Amino acid sequence: MRTVEDYEAIRRAYFVDKLSIRAIHRMLGYDRETIRKAIVQAAPTPYTLARPRVAPVIGPYKQRIAELLAESKKQKRKQRYTAHRIFEILRSEGYPGSEGAVHNYVSRERRKDKYKEKYIPLEFDPGQDAQVDWGEAEVILAGERVTVQLFILRLNYSKARFVMAFPFQKQEAFFEGHNQAFRFFGGIPRRLTYDYVPRNIIIVMCPP
């Protein structure tokens, strides 16, 4: 399974060092499919089940576990709840299941939190992070109202935003949007995330 570090190495080789997919394959040894995925997304997609597993015993106690985990975060490190302590609290409240089930569920929930903390920071340093996404807007072009696709790159620290309109969402537009945004800002952010959704953007484009 590929890691965030793998994707970062690929993206740096492609966007910063300007290497081709073939050159990255030869130099770093990643298969071409992995390289293509890393180019269009900043981190590997975590594995998810097609359908969530049924948890008939622990199911009614998930909300209580969430409350205990939230309470634990507010405590000093040495006083935080272990999975065993959470099991003991649940058992005192009538939980009839096994301790192993509680351990497994608590571990999964804590891994989710670590993933969010690692890849979606809430505080940003200058030039370090940016968010990218596509949006749509209706524009007046040569006197006609048409729908265009908007490439948006937004710097998380300064909130400065680059917007470029394209007639379609294709790979060449995706790459060109990045290139123009980097030129516009005069540099490349260290980390990009692809989950920013623009709202209420109105553009009027005049014919040359």
Protein backbone atom coordinates (compact mmCIF):
# COMPACT_ATOMS: atom_id res chain seq x y z
CA MET A 1 0.00 0.00 0.00
CA ARG A 2 1.38 3.41 -0.97
CA THR A 3 1.91 6.07 1.68
CA VAL A 4 1.61 9.85 1.70
CA GLU A 5 5.41 10.02 1.53
CA ASP A 6 5.32 7.97 -1.70
CA TYR A 7 2.80 10.37 -3.22
CA GLU A 8 4.80 13.39 -2.10
CA ALA A 9 7.97 12.02 -3.76
CA ILE A 10 6.08 11.41 -7.01
CA ARG A 11 4.40 14.82 -7.01
CA ARG A 12 7.65 16.62 -6.28
CA ALA A 13 9.36 14.77 -9.12
CA TYR A 14 6.51 15.64 -11.49
CA PHE A 15 5.58 19.20 -10.52
CA VAL A 16 8.90 20.53 -9.21
CA ASP A 17 11.55 18.53 -11.09
CA LYS A 18 9.36 18.42 -14.23
CA LEU A 19 10.05 14.72 -14.83
CA SER A 20 7.82 12.66 -17.12
CA ILE A 21 5.82 9.67 -15.91
CA ARG A 22 8.30 7.38 -17.66
CA ALA A 23 11.27 9.11 -16.00
CA ILE A 24 9.64 8.88 -12.55
CA HIS A 25 8.95 5.19 -13.15
CA ARG A 26 12.60 4.57 -14.03
CA MET A 27 14.06 6.71 -11.26
CA LEU A 28 11.75 5.91 -8.32
CA GLY A 29 10.41 2.50 -9.38
CA TYR A 30 6.70 3.25 -8.95
CA ASP A 31 4.30 1.71 -11.45
CA ARG A 32 2.70 4.09 -13.92
CA GLU A 33 -0.80 3.72 -12.50
CA THR A 34 0.42 4.78 -9.04
CA ILE A 35 2.25 7.75 -10.58
CA ARG A 36 -0.90 8.90 -12.40
CA LYS A 37 -2.95 8.65 -9.22
CA ALA A 38 -0.36 10.65 -7.25
CA ILE A 39 -0.37 13.40 -9.88
CA VAL A 40 -4.10 14.06 -9.52
CA GLN A 41 -4.47 13.59 -5.76
CA ALA A 42 -2.23 14.62 -2.87
CA ALA A 43 -2.63 11.48 -0.76
CA PRO A 44 -3.68 7.87 -1.31
CA THR A 45 -7.35 7.16 -0.75
CA PRO A 46 -7.80 5.21 2.48
CA TYR A 47 -9.40 1.80 2.12
CA THR A 48 -13.08 1.71 2.97
CA LEU A 49 -15.51 -1.16 3.07
CA ALA A 50 -18.16 -1.26 0.39
CA ARG A 51 -20.65 -1.81 3.22
CA PRO A 52 -19.99 -1.12 6.89
CA ARG A 53 -19.74 -4.23 9.05
CA VAL A 54 -22.75 -4.86 11.20
CA ALA A 55 -21.97 -4.44 14.90
CA PRO A 56 -25.15 -5.58 16.68
CA VAL A 57 -23.54 -5.62 20.14
CA ILE A 58 -21.31 -2.58 20.09
CA GLY A 59 -23.58 -0.58 17.76
CA PRO A 60 -25.76 0.99 20.51
CA TYR A 61 -22.60 2.01 22.40
CA LYS A 62 -20.81 3.82 19.55
CA GLN A 63 -22.15 7.21 20.60
CA ARG A 64 -21.02 6.58 24.18
CA ILE A 65 -17.55 5.59 22.96
CA ALA A 66 -17.37 8.79 20.91
CA GLU A 67 -18.24 10.79 24.03
CA LEU A 68 -15.53 9.02 26.04
CA LEU A 69 -12.93 9.58 23.33
CA ALA A 70 -13.82 13.27 23.14
CA GLU A 71 -13.62 13.52 26.94
CA SER A 72 -10.27 11.70 26.91
CA LYS A 73 -8.76 14.24 24.48
CA LYS A 74 -9.38 17.03 26.98
CA GLN A 75 -7.48 15.27 29.74
CA LYS A 76 -3.74 15.22 30.41
CA ARG A 77 -1.89 12.56 28.45
CA LYS A 78 -1.33 10.25 31.43
CA GLN A 79 -4.99 10.50 32.42
CA ARG A 80 -6.49 9.71 29.03
CA TYR A 81 -8.68 6.65 28.66
CA THR A 82 -7.16 3.45 27.36
CA ALA A 83 -9.31 1.03 25.38
CA HIS A 84 -9.38 -1.19 28.48
CA ARG A 85 -10.66 1.68 30.62
CA ILE A 86 -13.36 2.48 28.05
CA PHE A 87 -14.39 -1.18 28.10
CA GLU A 88 -14.67 -1.10 31.89
CA ILE A 89 -16.87 2.02 31.75
CA LEU A 90 -19.12 0.47 29.11
CA ARG A 91 -19.38 -2.78 31.04
CA SER A 92 -20.45 -0.85 34.16
CA GLU A 93 -23.17 0.74 32.00
CA GLY A 94 -24.49 -2.60 30.75
CA TYR A 95 -22.36 -3.38 27.69
CA PRO A 96 -22.64 -7.18 27.12
CA GLY A 97 -19.96 -7.62 24.46
CA SER A 98 -16.30 -8.59 24.51
CA GLU A 99 -13.35 -6.38 25.39
CA GLY A 100 -11.73 -7.25 22.06
CA ALA A 101 -14.59 -5.67 20.14
CA VAL A 102 -14.18 -2.45 22.12
CA HIS A 103 -10.41 -2.46 21.55
CA ASN A 104 -10.86 -2.88 17.80
CA TYR A 105 -13.48 -0.15 17.52
CA VAL A 106 -11.53 2.32 19.67
CA SER A 107 -8.38 1.68 17.62
CA ARG A 108 -10.24 2.37 14.35
CA GLU A 109 -11.72 5.60 15.68
CA ARG A 110 -8.36 6.82 16.93
CA ARG A 111 -6.74 6.03 13.58
CA LYS A 112 -9.40 8.15 11.87
CA ASP A 113 -8.55 11.07 14.17
CA LYS A 114 -4.83 10.70 13.49
CA TYR A 115 -5.50 10.68 9.74
CA LYS A 116 -7.56 13.88 9.99
CA GLU A 117 -4.96 15.59 12.15
CA LYS A 118 -2.15 14.63 9.80
CA TYR A 119 -3.71 15.56 6.49
CA ILE A 120 -6.20 18.30 7.28
CA PRO A 121 -4.43 20.83 9.52
CA LEU A 122 -6.49 23.65 11.02
CA GLU A 123 -3.59 26.10 11.34
CA PHE A 124 -1.33 26.97 8.42
CA ASP A 125 2.08 28.55 7.90
CA PRO A 126 2.76 30.98 5.04
CA GLY A 127 3.31 29.24 1.71
CA GLN A 128 2.92 25.75 3.08
CA ASP A 129 -0.62 24.67 2.23
CA ALA A 130 -3.14 25.25 -0.52
CA GLN A 131 -6.49 23.78 -1.49
CA VAL A 132 -7.57 22.90 -5.00
CA ASP A 133 -10.88 21.97 -6.55
CA TRP A 134 -13.17 22.43 -9.54
CA GLY A 135 -16.34 24.46 -9.57
CA GLU A 136 -18.87 25.68 -12.09
CA ALA A 137 -20.06 29.16 -12.99
CA GLU A 138 -22.40 30.71 -15.51
CA VAL A 139 -20.68 33.44 -17.49
CA ILE A 140 -21.57 35.86 -20.24
CA LEU A 141 -19.24 35.07 -23.14
CA ALA A 142 -19.65 36.98 -26.40
CA GLY A 143 -23.16 37.94 -25.34
CA GLU A 144 -24.25 34.37 -24.52
CA ARG A 145 -24.72 32.71 -21.14
CA VAL A 146 -22.61 29.53 -20.91
CA THR A 147 -21.39 27.23 -18.14
CA VAL A 148 -17.61 27.04 -17.61
CA GLN A 149 -15.47 24.88 -15.37
CA LEU A 150 -13.44 26.78 -12.78
CA PHE A 151 -10.05 25.64 -11.54
CA ILE A 152 -9.47 27.18 -8.09
CA LEU A 153 -6.26 27.15 -6.06
CA ARG A 154 -6.52 28.88 -2.68
CA LEU A 155 -3.64 29.56 -0.28
CA ASN A 156 -4.73 28.52 3.21
CA TYR A 157 -2.69 31.12 5.14
CA SER A 158 -3.35 34.30 3.16
CA LYS A 159 -6.69 33.18 1.65
CA ALA A 160 -5.40 34.47 -1.70
CA ARG A 161 -7.18 32.70 -4.56
CA PHE A 162 -6.35 31.93 -8.16
CA VAL A 163 -9.29 31.13 -10.46
CA MET A 164 -9.05 30.08 -14.11
CA ALA A 165 -11.98 29.16 -16.37
CA PHE A 166 -11.92 26.23 -18.78
CA PRO A 167 -14.57 24.83 -21.13
CA PHE A 168 -14.07 21.33 -19.62
CA GLN A 169 -12.57 19.37 -16.73
CA LYS A 170 -9.86 17.36 -18.44
CA GLN A 171 -6.34 16.36 -17.49
CA GLU A 172 -4.71 19.04 -19.63
CA ALA A 173 -6.89 21.71 -18.00
CA PHE A 174 -6.04 20.31 -14.56
CA PHE A 175 -2.30 20.57 -15.24
CA GLU A 176 -2.53 23.96 -16.93
CA GLY A 177 -4.49 25.32 -13.98
CA HIS A 178 -1.71 24.27 -11.62
CA ASN A 179 1.00 25.72 -13.85
CA GLN A 180 -0.74 29.09 -14.17
CA ALA A 181 -1.53 29.23 -10.46
CA PHE A 182 2.10 28.57 -9.52
CA ARG A 183 3.21 31.32 -11.90
CA PHE A 184 0.59 33.67 -10.49
CA PHE A 185 1.71 33.10 -6.88
CA GLY A 186 5.40 32.97 -7.78
CA GLY A 187 6.00 29.61 -6.10
CA ILE A 188 4.68 26.15 -5.26
CA PRO A 189 2.99 25.33 -1.92
CA ARG A 190 4.59 22.45 -0.06
CA ARG A 191 1.29 20.60 0.31
CA LEU A 192 -1.93 20.58 -1.74
CA THR A 193 -5.28 19.19 -0.69
CA TYR A 194 -8.14 18.63 -3.10
CA ASP A 195 -11.28 19.29 -1.12
CA TYR A 196 -12.02 23.02 -1.46
CA VAL A 197 -15.44 23.78 -2.94
CA PRO A 198 -16.03 27.38 -4.11
CA ARG A 199 -19.38 29.06 -3.50
CA ASN A 200 -21.24 31.85 -5.29
CA ILE A 201 -18.62 32.69 -7.90
CA ILE A 202 -19.83 34.94 -10.73
CA ILE A 203 -17.57 35.88 -13.64
CA VAL A 204 -18.29 37.98 -16.73
CA MET A 205 -15.88 37.17 -19.57
CA CYS A 206 -15.62 39.68 -22.37
CA PRO A 207 -14.63 38.63 -25.90
CA PRO A 208 -11.26 39.94 -27.14
